[in-house]
Amino acid sequence: MKLQSLSCFAGAALLALAASVNAIDFRIHLATNQFLTDTAFLHSFSPIVLRRIPEGNAGDESATNKTSTVPKVMKTLAKRDGSAVFSNVPAGAWLLEFQLPYLIFNQYRVDIPDADAISPPPVIGEGITWKGQPAVRVHLRGQSLASTLLAPVLPYPLVVAPIAKQEFYTEPEKFNIKALLANPMILMGGVGMLLIFVVPKLQAQLDPEAQAEMRASQAAMQKKMAAFQSGDIGALFREDPPPPPAPRRAVEGGSGGSAAGVQADSGSGQPRRR
């Protein structure tokens, strides 16, 4: 029983040793910019993560590792000078993520080469580099990890910097006179105020008969609205009788005007009355 346990332990140790043969140390350096002014800001709650890309999504069969001892996730922390190291990273394809609060970083695809990768890759865009150097490419969120192989390889050791800050609230909009005037409620109120001042002036320029007809129609509408508010819905559909015609103005001049009218009648060809 002891021999069996010792043999299992020895087998696991051999597998771990075989995996560490192809492993390398992956180095990163965090640079300062307008979003990160001091690398001493980094602390233990800001891990840097390497996630192993599954074999079906790697896009390169040579970058896969067949051993079961390869971890799926590796984590490290940045030092006060901004440097970070992943020790003994096995060969294969990995996704590099930065989980720093208040800062946004790009994601990177990292392809760790095998120990026997001593010649240049035969195909341009292949994930594995040569001479033991890992291939690091920017991975755009929303795209496949296999398509990242078409991106250019970044210099190594990798130097990264944040691209933006996390926004946890929306800043209130500043006062904008154009946006205020484009508001539909403001436009409707402005048109209403304009009609209040313009319509009376237009009515004053109408002739007396048109003014009388307008007053009659307004009175009829007010009557219908009063009946509707009292519960008589049919008042909106009933047609009121047309208003009587407006009386004509009397001709000035008294009898002289009458005589002028008689003369006008005589000039029209009708016989005079005696």
C-alpha atoms as a PDB file:
ATOM      1  CA  MET A   1       0.000   0.000   0.000  1.00  0.00           C
ATOM      2  CA  LYS A   2       2.839   2.348   0.851  1.00  0.00           C
ATOM      3  CA  LEU A   3       4.621   1.439  -2.357  1.00  0.00           C
ATOM      4  CA  GLN A   4       1.479   2.258  -4.341  1.00  0.00           C
ATOM      5  CA  SER A   5       1.113   5.663  -2.695  1.00  0.00           C
ATOM      6  CA  LEU A   6       4.797   6.385  -3.231  1.00  0.00           C
ATOM      7  CA  SER A   7       4.510   5.459  -6.887  1.00  0.00           C
ATOM      8  CA  CYS A   8       1.494   7.767  -7.320  1.00  0.00           C
ATOM      9  CA  PHE A   9       3.378  10.590  -5.628  1.00  0.00           C
ATOM     10  CA  ALA A  10       6.407   9.978  -7.809  1.00  0.00           C
ATOM     11  CA  GLY A  11       4.247   9.945 -10.944  1.00  0.00           C
ATOM     12  CA  ALA A  12       2.644  13.256  -9.999  1.00  0.00           C
ATOM     13  CA  ALA A  13       6.056  14.733  -9.294  1.00  0.00           C
ATOM     14  CA  LEU A  14       7.327  13.574 -12.667  1.00  0.00           C
ATOM     15  CA  LEU A  15       4.302  15.112 -14.406  1.00  0.00           C
ATOM     16  CA  ALA A  16       4.858  18.383 -12.576  1.00  0.00           C
ATOM     17  CA  LEU A  17       8.539  18.282 -13.487  1.00  0.00           C
ATOM     18  CA  ALA A  18       7.695  17.623 -17.135  1.00  0.00           C
ATOM     19  CA  ALA A  19       5.273  20.522 -17.137  1.00  0.00           C
ATOM     20  CA  SER A  20       7.810  22.854 -15.520  1.00  0.00           C
ATOM     21  CA  VAL A  21      10.364  22.034 -18.199  1.00  0.00           C
ATOM     22  CA  ASN A  22       8.248  23.846 -20.800  1.00  0.00           C
ATOM     23  CA  ALA A  23       7.302  26.625 -18.359  1.00  0.00           C
ATOM     24  CA  ILE A  24       8.786  30.115 -18.400  1.00  0.00           C
ATOM     25  CA  ASP A  25       8.452  33.260 -16.317  1.00  0.00           C
ATOM     26  CA  PHE A  26       6.113  35.789 -17.928  1.00  0.00           C
ATOM     27  CA  ARG A  27       6.988  39.386 -17.025  1.00  0.00           C
ATOM     28  CA  ILE A  28       4.817  42.515 -17.124  1.00  0.00           C
ATOM     29  CA  HIS A  29       5.488  46.144 -16.323  1.00  0.00           C
ATOM     30  CA  LEU A  30       2.734  48.654 -15.553  1.00  0.00           C
ATOM     31  CA  ALA A  31       3.471  52.133 -16.888  1.00  0.00           C
ATOM     32  CA  THR A  32       2.035  55.403 -15.618  1.00  0.00           C
ATOM     33  CA  ASN A  33      -0.105  57.771 -17.664  1.00  0.00           C
ATOM     34  CA  GLN A  34      -2.917  60.269 -17.097  1.00  0.00           C
ATOM     35  CA  PHE A  35      -5.081  57.534 -15.547  1.00  0.00           C
ATOM     36  CA  LEU A  36      -2.401  55.902 -13.361  1.00  0.00           C
ATOM     37  CA  THR A  37      -0.083  58.527 -11.915  1.00  0.00           C
ATOM     38  CA  ASP A  38       1.636  56.333  -9.328  1.00  0.00           C
ATOM     39  CA  THR A  39       2.202  52.569  -9.343  1.00  0.00           C
ATOM     40  CA  ALA A  40       2.305  52.588  -5.543  1.00  0.00           C
ATOM     41  CA  PHE A  41      -1.472  52.902  -5.783  1.00  0.00           C
ATOM     42  CA  LEU A  42      -1.598  49.184  -6.636  1.00  0.00           C
ATOM     43  CA  HIS A  43      -2.344  46.894  -3.708  1.00  0.00           C
ATOM     44  CA  SER A  44      -3.341  43.340  -2.854  1.00  0.00           C
ATOM     45  CA  PHE A  45      -6.906  43.843  -4.058  1.00  0.00           C
ATOM     46  CA  SER A  46      -5.700  44.379  -7.633  1.00  0.00           C
ATOM     47  CA  PRO A  47      -4.697  40.955  -8.980  1.00  0.00           C
ATOM     48  CA  ILE A  48      -3.397  40.296 -12.479  1.00  0.00           C
ATOM     49  CA  VAL A  49      -4.903  37.095 -13.871  1.00  0.00           C
ATOM     50  CA  LEU A  50      -3.834  34.616 -16.538  1.00  0.00           C
ATOM     51  CA  ARG A  51      -6.679  32.374 -17.672  1.00  0.00           C
ATOM     52  CA  ARG A  52      -5.943  29.312 -19.722  1.00  0.00           C
ATOM     53  CA  ILE A  53      -7.702  29.324 -23.091  1.00  0.00           C
ATOM     54  CA  PRO A  54      -9.434  25.992 -23.809  1.00  0.00           C
ATOM     55  CA  GLU A  55      -7.956  23.913 -26.605  1.00  0.00           C
ATOM     56  CA  GLY A  56     -10.980  24.407 -28.862  1.00  0.00           C
ATOM     57  CA  ASN A  57     -10.707  28.214 -28.651  1.00  0.00           C
ATOM     58  CA  ALA A  58      -6.924  28.555 -28.843  1.00  0.00           C
ATOM     59  CA  GLY A  59      -6.799  28.441 -32.645  1.00  0.00           C
ATOM     60  CA  ASP A  60      -3.358  26.801 -32.584  1.00  0.00           C
ATOM     61  CA  GLU A  61      -2.931  23.118 -31.818  1.00  0.00           C
ATOM     62  CA  SER A  62       0.780  23.496 -31.132  1.00  0.00           C
ATOM     63  CA  ALA A  63       0.050  25.864 -28.253  1.00  0.00           C
ATOM     64  CA  THR A  64      -2.009  23.332 -26.284  1.00  0.00           C
ATOM     65  CA  ASN A  65      -0.750  21.345 -23.354  1.00  0.00           C
ATOM     66  CA  LYS A  66      -1.896  17.792 -22.888  1.00  0.00           C
ATOM     67  CA  THR A  67      -0.961  17.388 -19.240  1.00  0.00           C
ATOM     68  CA  SER A  68      -3.595  17.592 -16.558  1.00  0.00           C
ATOM     69  CA  THR A  69      -1.312  19.480 -14.181  1.00  0.00           C
ATOM     70  CA  VAL A  70      -1.597  22.769 -16.056  1.00  0.00           C
ATOM     71  CA  PRO A  71      -3.607  25.227 -13.924  1.00  0.00           C
ATOM     72  CA  LYS A  72      -6.612  26.958 -15.427  1.00  0.00           C
ATOM     73  CA  VAL A  73      -6.042  30.263 -13.633  1.00  0.00           C
ATOM     74  CA  MET A  74      -2.846  31.914 -12.432  1.00  0.00           C
ATOM     75  CA  LYS A  75      -2.736  35.109 -10.378  1.00  0.00           C
ATOM     76  CA  THR A  76      -0.053  37.533  -9.333  1.00  0.00           C
ATOM     77  CA  LEU A  77       0.259  41.000  -7.812  1.00  0.00           C
ATOM     78  CA  ALA A  78       2.128  44.033  -9.048  1.00  0.00           C
ATOM     79  CA  LYS A  79       4.962  45.430  -6.978  1.00  0.00           C
ATOM     80  CA  ARG A  80       5.278  49.046  -5.949  1.00  0.00           C
ATOM     81  CA  ASP A  81       7.547  49.718  -8.926  1.00  0.00           C
ATOM     82  CA  GLY A  82       4.867  48.401 -11.332  1.00  0.00           C
ATOM     83  CA  SER A  83       6.544  45.092 -12.200  1.00  0.00           C
ATOM     84  CA  ALA A  84       4.737  41.751 -12.073  1.00  0.00           C
ATOM     85  CA  VAL A  85       5.893  38.191 -12.787  1.00  0.00           C
ATOM     86  CA  PHE A  86       4.019  34.948 -13.451  1.00  0.00           C
ATOM     87  CA  SER A  87       6.393  32.160 -12.454  1.00  0.00           C
ATOM     88  CA  ASN A  88       6.518  28.839 -14.298  1.00  0.00           C
ATOM     89  CA  VAL A  89       3.775  29.506 -16.828  1.00  0.00           C
ATOM     90  CA  PRO A  90       3.193  26.298 -18.837  1.00  0.00           C
ATOM     91  CA  ALA A  91       3.199  26.340 -22.620  1.00  0.00           C
ATOM     92  CA  GLY A  92      -0.108  27.119 -24.277  1.00  0.00           C
ATOM     93  CA  ALA A  93      -2.554  29.954 -24.911  1.00  0.00           C
ATOM     94  CA  TRP A  94      -3.577  32.271 -22.078  1.00  0.00           C
ATOM     95  CA  LEU A  95      -5.791  35.327 -21.627  1.00  0.00           C
ATOM     96  CA  LEU A  96      -4.242  38.140 -19.585  1.00  0.00           C
ATOM     97  CA  GLU A  97      -6.625  40.327 -17.544  1.00  0.00           C
ATOM     98  CA  PHE A  98      -6.043  43.208 -15.126  1.00  0.00           C
ATOM     99  CA  GLN A  99      -8.528  43.430 -12.258  1.00  0.00           C
ATOM    100  CA  LEU A 100      -7.610  46.839 -10.905  1.00  0.00           C
ATOM    101  CA  PRO A 101     -10.310  48.997  -9.329  1.00  0.00           C
ATOM    102  CA  TYR A 102     -11.213  52.283 -10.997  1.00  0.00           C
ATOM    103  CA  LEU A 103      -9.045  51.452 -14.030  1.00  0.00           C
ATOM    104  CA  ILE A 104      -9.743  49.755 -17.366  1.00  0.00           C
ATOM    105  CA  PHE A 105      -7.055  47.784 -19.204  1.00  0.00           C
ATOM    106  CA  ASN A 106      -6.967  45.961 -22.503  1.00  0.00           C
ATOM    107  CA  GLN A 107      -7.097  42.186 -22.546  1.00  0.00           C
ATOM    108  CA  TYR A 108      -4.142  40.327 -24.057  1.00  0.00           C
ATOM    109  CA  ARG A 109      -3.693  36.909 -25.551  1.00  0.00           C
ATOM    110  CA  VAL A 110      -0.424  35.325 -24.422  1.00  0.00           C
ATOM    111  CA  ASP A 111       1.011  32.309 -26.269  1.00  0.00           C
ATOM    112  CA  ILE A 112       3.769  30.581 -24.308  1.00  0.00           C
ATOM    113  CA  PRO A 113       6.093  28.550 -26.587  1.00  0.00           C
ATOM    114  CA  ASP A 114       7.293  24.989 -26.070  1.00  0.00           C
ATOM    115  CA  ALA A 115      10.861  24.261 -25.112  1.00  0.00           C
ATOM    116  CA  ASP A 116      11.645  22.929 -28.602  1.00  0.00           C
ATOM    117  CA  ALA A 117      10.388  26.084 -30.378  1.00  0.00           C
ATOM    118  CA  ILE A 118      13.829  27.142 -31.581  1.00  0.00           C
ATOM    119  CA  SER A 119      12.931  28.083 -35.170  1.00  0.00           C
ATOM    120  CA  PRO A 120      10.753  30.895 -36.538  1.00  0.00           C
ATOM    121  CA  PRO A 121       7.076  30.050 -37.108  1.00  0.00           C
ATOM    122  CA  PRO A 122       6.390  28.873 -40.676  1.00  0.00           C
ATOM    123  CA  VAL A 123       3.142  30.850 -40.999  1.00  0.00           C
ATOM    124  CA  ILE A 124       2.703  34.568 -40.364  1.00  0.00           C
ATOM    125  CA  GLY A 125       0.284  35.150 -37.506  1.00  0.00           C
ATOM    126  CA  GLU A 126       0.970  31.826 -35.798  1.00  0.00           C
ATOM    127  CA  GLY A 127       0.524  32.003 -32.060  1.00  0.00           C
ATOM    128  CA  ILE A 128       3.856  30.560 -30.988  1.00  0.00           C
ATOM    129  CA  THR A 129       7.025  32.615 -31.226  1.00  0.00           C
ATOM    130  CA  TRP A 130      10.554  31.299 -31.296  1.00  0.00           C
ATOM    131  CA  LYS A 131      13.692  31.504 -29.137  1.00  0.00           C
ATOM    132  CA  GLY A 132      11.571  31.049 -26.025  1.00  0.00           C
ATOM    133  CA  GLN A 133       9.798  34.420 -26.264  1.00  0.00           C
ATOM    134  CA  PRO A 134       6.010  34.499 -25.644  1.00  0.00           C
ATOM    135  CA  ALA A 135       3.765  36.123 -28.238  1.00  0.00           C
ATOM    136  CA  VAL A 136       1.500  38.810 -26.772  1.00  0.00           C
ATOM    137  CA  ARG A 137      -1.351  40.347 -28.761  1.00  0.00           C
ATOM    138  CA  VAL A 138      -4.163  42.718 -27.857  1.00  0.00           C
ATOM    139  CA  HIS A 139      -7.504  40.921 -27.605  1.00  0.00           C
ATOM    140  CA  LEU A 140     -10.526  43.078 -28.410  1.00  0.00           C
ATOM    141  CA  ARG A 141     -13.567  42.300 -26.326  1.00  0.00           C
ATOM    142  CA  GLY A 142     -16.341  40.718 -28.368  1.00  0.00           C
ATOM    143  CA  GLN A 143     -14.022  39.048 -30.883  1.00  0.00           C
ATOM    144  CA  SER A 144     -12.967  35.423 -30.973  1.00  0.00           C
ATOM    145  CA  LEU A 145      -9.683  34.441 -29.402  1.00  0.00           C
ATOM    146  CA  ALA A 146      -8.644  32.665 -32.602  1.00  0.00           C
ATOM    147  CA  SER A 147      -8.992  35.881 -34.631  1.00  0.00           C
ATOM    148  CA  THR A 148      -6.593  37.596 -32.229  1.00  0.00           C
ATOM    149  CA  LEU A 149      -3.762  35.658 -33.903  1.00  0.00           C
ATOM    150  CA  LEU A 150      -4.025  38.059 -36.854  1.00  0.00           C
ATOM    151  CA  ALA A 151      -3.075  41.019 -34.650  1.00  0.00           C
ATOM    152  CA  PRO A 152       0.569  42.168 -34.513  1.00  0.00           C
ATOM    153  CA  VAL A 153       2.841  40.834 -31.777  1.00  0.00           C
ATOM    154  CA  LEU A 154       3.768  43.317 -29.046  1.00  0.00           C
ATOM    155  CA  PRO A 155       7.304  43.763 -27.710  1.00  0.00           C
ATOM    156  CA  TYR A 156       8.332  41.619 -24.767  1.00  0.00           C
ATOM    157  CA  PRO A 157       8.539  42.139 -21.788  1.00  0.00           C
ATOM    158  CA  LEU A 158       5.023  43.512 -21.986  1.00  0.00           C
ATOM    159  CA  VAL A 159       4.504  47.144 -20.959  1.00  0.00           C
ATOM    160  CA  VAL A 160       0.874  48.056 -20.305  1.00  0.00           C
ATOM    161  CA  ALA A 161      -1.015  51.122 -19.128  1.00  0.00           C
ATOM    162  CA  PRO A 162      -4.687  51.758 -18.340  1.00  0.00           C
ATOM    163  CA  ILE A 163      -6.829  53.052 -21.188  1.00  0.00           C
ATOM    164  CA  ALA A 164      -9.643  54.631 -19.142  1.00  0.00           C
ATOM    165  CA  LYS A 165     -11.142  55.039 -15.700  1.00  0.00           C
ATOM    166  CA  GLN A 166     -14.173  53.218 -14.384  1.00  0.00           C
ATOM    167  CA  GLU A 167     -17.212  55.502 -14.330  1.00  0.00           C
ATOM    168  CA  PHE A 168     -19.554  54.581 -11.486  1.00  0.00           C
ATOM    169  CA  TYR A 169     -21.931  57.528 -11.921  1.00  0.00           C
ATOM    170  CA  THR A 170     -23.194  59.721 -14.722  1.00  0.00           C
ATOM    171  CA  GLU A 171     -22.239  63.365 -14.607  1.00  0.00           C
ATOM    172  CA  PRO A 172     -25.207  65.754 -14.827  1.00  0.00           C
ATOM    173  CA  GLU A 173     -25.559  67.574 -18.095  1.00  0.00           C
ATOM    174  CA  LYS A 174     -24.616  71.232 -18.176  1.00  0.00           C
ATOM    175  CA  PHE A 175     -27.076  73.967 -19.054  1.00  0.00           C
ATOM    176  CA  ASN A 176     -27.581  74.133 -22.809  1.00  0.00           C
ATOM    177  CA  ILE A 177     -29.782  76.833 -24.304  1.00  0.00           C
ATOM    178  CA  LYS A 178     -30.129  74.924 -27.580  1.00  0.00           C
ATOM    179  CA  ALA A 179     -31.398  71.807 -25.821  1.00  0.00           C
ATOM    180  CA  LEU A 180     -33.817  73.966 -23.820  1.00  0.00           C
ATOM    181  CA  LEU A 181     -35.276  75.614 -26.924  1.00  0.00           C
ATOM    182  CA  ALA A 182     -35.511  72.241 -28.687  1.00  0.00           C
ATOM    183  CA  ASN A 183     -37.690  70.854 -25.889  1.00  0.00           C
ATOM    184  CA  PRO A 184     -41.176  70.049 -27.303  1.00  0.00           C
ATOM    185  CA  MET A 185     -42.905  71.488 -24.229  1.00  0.00           C
ATOM    186  CA  ILE A 186     -41.038  74.781 -24.616  1.00  0.00           C
ATOM    187  CA  LEU A 187     -41.935  74.903 -28.306  1.00  0.00           C
ATOM    188  CA  MET A 188     -45.631  74.283 -27.597  1.00  0.00           C
ATOM    189  CA  GLY A 189     -45.675  76.963 -24.898  1.00  0.00           C
ATOM    190  CA  GLY A 190     -43.927  79.447 -27.185  1.00  0.00           C
ATOM    191  CA  VAL A 191     -46.398  78.831 -30.010  1.00  0.00           C
ATOM    192  CA  GLY A 192     -49.306  79.277 -27.596  1.00  0.00           C
ATOM    193  CA  MET A 193     -47.959  82.595 -26.318  1.00  0.00           C
ATOM    194  CA  LEU A 194     -47.406  83.752 -29.885  1.00  0.00           C
ATOM    195  CA  LEU A 195     -50.998  82.955 -30.813  1.00  0.00           C
ATOM    196  CA  ILE A 196     -52.276  84.859 -27.784  1.00  0.00           C
ATOM    197  CA  PHE A 197     -50.671  88.073 -29.044  1.00  0.00           C
ATOM    198  CA  VAL A 198     -51.054  87.551 -32.800  1.00  0.00           C
ATOM    199  CA  VAL A 199     -54.654  86.292 -33.123  1.00  0.00           C
ATOM    200  CA  PRO A 200     -56.326  89.419 -31.622  1.00  0.00           C
ATOM    201  CA  LYS A 201     -54.391  91.631 -34.031  1.00  0.00           C
ATOM    202  CA  LEU A 202     -55.462  89.478 -36.961  1.00  0.00           C
ATOM    203  CA  GLN A 203     -59.084  89.615 -35.841  1.00  0.00           C
ATOM    204  CA  ALA A 204     -58.955  93.403 -35.672  1.00  0.00           C
ATOM    205  CA  GLN A 205     -58.068  93.537 -39.362  1.00  0.00           C
ATOM    206  CA  LEU A 206     -61.134  91.508 -40.439  1.00  0.00           C
ATOM    207  CA  ASP A 207     -64.290  93.159 -41.777  1.00  0.00           C
ATOM    208  CA  PRO A 208     -67.301  93.458 -39.415  1.00  0.00           C
ATOM    209  CA  GLU A 209     -69.204  90.548 -40.995  1.00  0.00           C
ATOM    210  CA  ALA A 210     -66.254  88.133 -40.533  1.00  0.00           C
ATOM    211  CA  GLN A 211     -65.816  89.311 -36.962  1.00  0.00           C
ATOM    212  CA  ALA A 212     -69.497  88.686 -36.259  1.00  0.00           C
ATOM    213  CA  GLU A 213     -69.281  85.169 -37.732  1.00  0.00           C
ATOM    214  CA  MET A 214     -66.182  84.415 -35.664  1.00  0.00           C
ATOM    215  CA  ARG A 215     -67.843  85.606 -32.459  1.00  0.00           C
ATOM    216  CA  ALA A 216     -70.894  83.486 -33.255  1.00  0.00           C
ATOM    217  CA  SER A 217     -68.775  80.365 -33.867  1.00  0.00           C
ATOM    218  CA  GLN A 218     -66.842  80.961 -30.639  1.00  0.00           C
ATOM    219  CA  ALA A 219     -70.076  81.361 -28.709  1.00  0.00           C
ATOM    220  CA  ALA A 220     -71.428  78.126 -30.222  1.00  0.00           C
ATOM    221  CA  MET A 221     -68.247  76.250 -29.299  1.00  0.00           C
ATOM    222  CA  GLN A 222     -68.354  77.560 -25.728  1.00  0.00           C
ATOM    223  CA  LYS A 223     -71.968  76.459 -25.509  1.00  0.00           C
ATOM    224  CA  LYS A 224     -71.080  72.941 -26.688  1.00  0.00           C
ATOM    225  CA  MET A 225     -68.189  72.677 -24.228  1.00  0.00           C
ATOM    226  CA  ALA A 226     -70.410  73.805 -21.360  1.00  0.00           C
ATOM    227  CA  ALA A 227     -73.011  71.193 -22.340  1.00  0.00           C
ATOM    228  CA  PHE A 228     -70.312  68.502 -22.593  1.00  0.00           C
ATOM    229  CA  GLN A 229     -68.961  69.334 -19.132  1.00  0.00           C
ATOM    230  CA  SER A 230     -72.471  69.078 -17.726  1.00  0.00           C
ATOM    231  CA  GLY A 231     -72.819  65.541 -19.143  1.00  0.00           C
ATOM    232  CA  ASP A 232     -74.525  66.191 -22.465  1.00  0.00           C
ATOM    233  CA  ILE A 233     -72.174  64.352 -24.834  1.00  0.00           C
ATOM    234  CA  GLY A 234     -74.574  64.665 -27.759  1.00  0.00           C
ATOM    235  CA  ALA A 235     -74.093  68.428 -27.755  1.00  0.00           C
ATOM    236  CA  LEU A 236     -70.774  67.938 -29.523  1.00  0.00           C
ATOM    237  CA  PHE A 237     -72.480  66.270 -32.483  1.00  0.00           C
ATOM    238  CA  ARG A 238     -75.547  68.477 -32.822  1.00  0.00           C
ATOM    239  CA  GLU A 239     -75.407  71.152 -35.497  1.00  0.00           C
ATOM    240  CA  ASP A 240     -76.571  74.561 -34.396  1.00  0.00           C
ATOM    241  CA  PRO A 241     -78.710  76.654 -36.781  1.00  0.00           C
ATOM    242  CA  PRO A 242     -76.721  79.188 -38.775  1.00  0.00           C
ATOM    243  CA  PRO A 243     -76.533  82.622 -37.182  1.00  0.00           C
ATOM    244  CA  PRO A 244     -78.764  85.369 -38.658  1.00  0.00           C
ATOM    245  CA  PRO A 245     -77.057  87.668 -41.144  1.00  0.00           C
ATOM    246  CA  ALA A 246     -75.598  90.836 -39.747  1.00  0.00           C
ATOM    247  CA  PRO A 247     -77.793  93.943 -40.331  1.00  0.00           C
ATOM    248  CA  ARG A 248     -76.547  96.284 -43.000  1.00  0.00           C
ATOM    249  CA  ARG A 249     -75.577  99.807 -42.066  1.00  0.00           C
ATOM    250  CA  ALA A 250     -78.131 102.591 -42.809  1.00  0.00           C
ATOM    251  CA  VAL A 251     -77.186 104.861 -45.675  1.00  0.00           C
ATOM    252  CA  GLU A 252     -76.187 108.265 -44.410  1.00  0.00           C
ATOM    253  CA  GLY A 253     -77.758 111.417 -45.889  1.00  0.00           C
ATOM    254  CA  GLY A 254     -81.466 110.975 -45.015  1.00  0.00           C
ATOM    255  CA  SER A 255     -83.879 111.759 -47.833  1.00  0.00           C
ATOM    256  CA  GLY A 256     -81.058 112.749 -50.114  1.00  0.00           C
ATOM    257  CA  GLY A 257     -79.821 109.225 -49.891  1.00  0.00           C
ATOM    258  CA  SER A 258     -83.298 107.906 -50.750  1.00  0.00           C
ATOM    259  CA  ALA A 259     -83.491 110.167 -53.767  1.00  0.00           C
ATOM    260  CA  ALA A 260     -80.087 109.010 -54.869  1.00  0.00           C
ATOM    261  CA  GLY A 261     -81.324 105.438 -54.581  1.00  0.00           C
ATOM    262  CA  VAL A 262     -84.386 106.206 -56.689  1.00  0.00           C
ATOM    263  CA  GLN A 263     -82.243 107.852 -59.331  1.00  0.00           C
ATOM    264  CA  ALA A 264     -79.970 104.832 -59.339  1.00  0.00           C
ATOM    265  CA  ASP A 265     -83.018 102.629 -59.867  1.00  0.00           C
ATOM    266  CA  SER A 266     -84.179 104.851 -62.727  1.00  0.00           C
ATOM    267  CA  GLY A 267     -80.782 104.623 -64.321  1.00  0.00           C
ATOM    268  CA  SER A 268     -80.974 100.861 -64.258  1.00  0.00           C
ATOM    269  CA  GLY A 269     -83.783 100.826 -66.859  1.00  0.00           C
ATOM    270  CA  GLN A 270     -86.712 100.063 -64.518  1.00  0.00           C
ATOM    271  CA  PRO A 271     -89.885 102.253 -64.847  1.00  0.00           C
ATOM    272  CA  ARG A 272     -90.417 104.920 -62.263  1.00  0.00           C
ATOM    273  CA  ARG A 273     -93.226 104.627 -59.795  1.00  0.00           C
ATOM    274  CA  ARG A 274     -95.697 107.447 -59.610  1.00  0.00           C
END
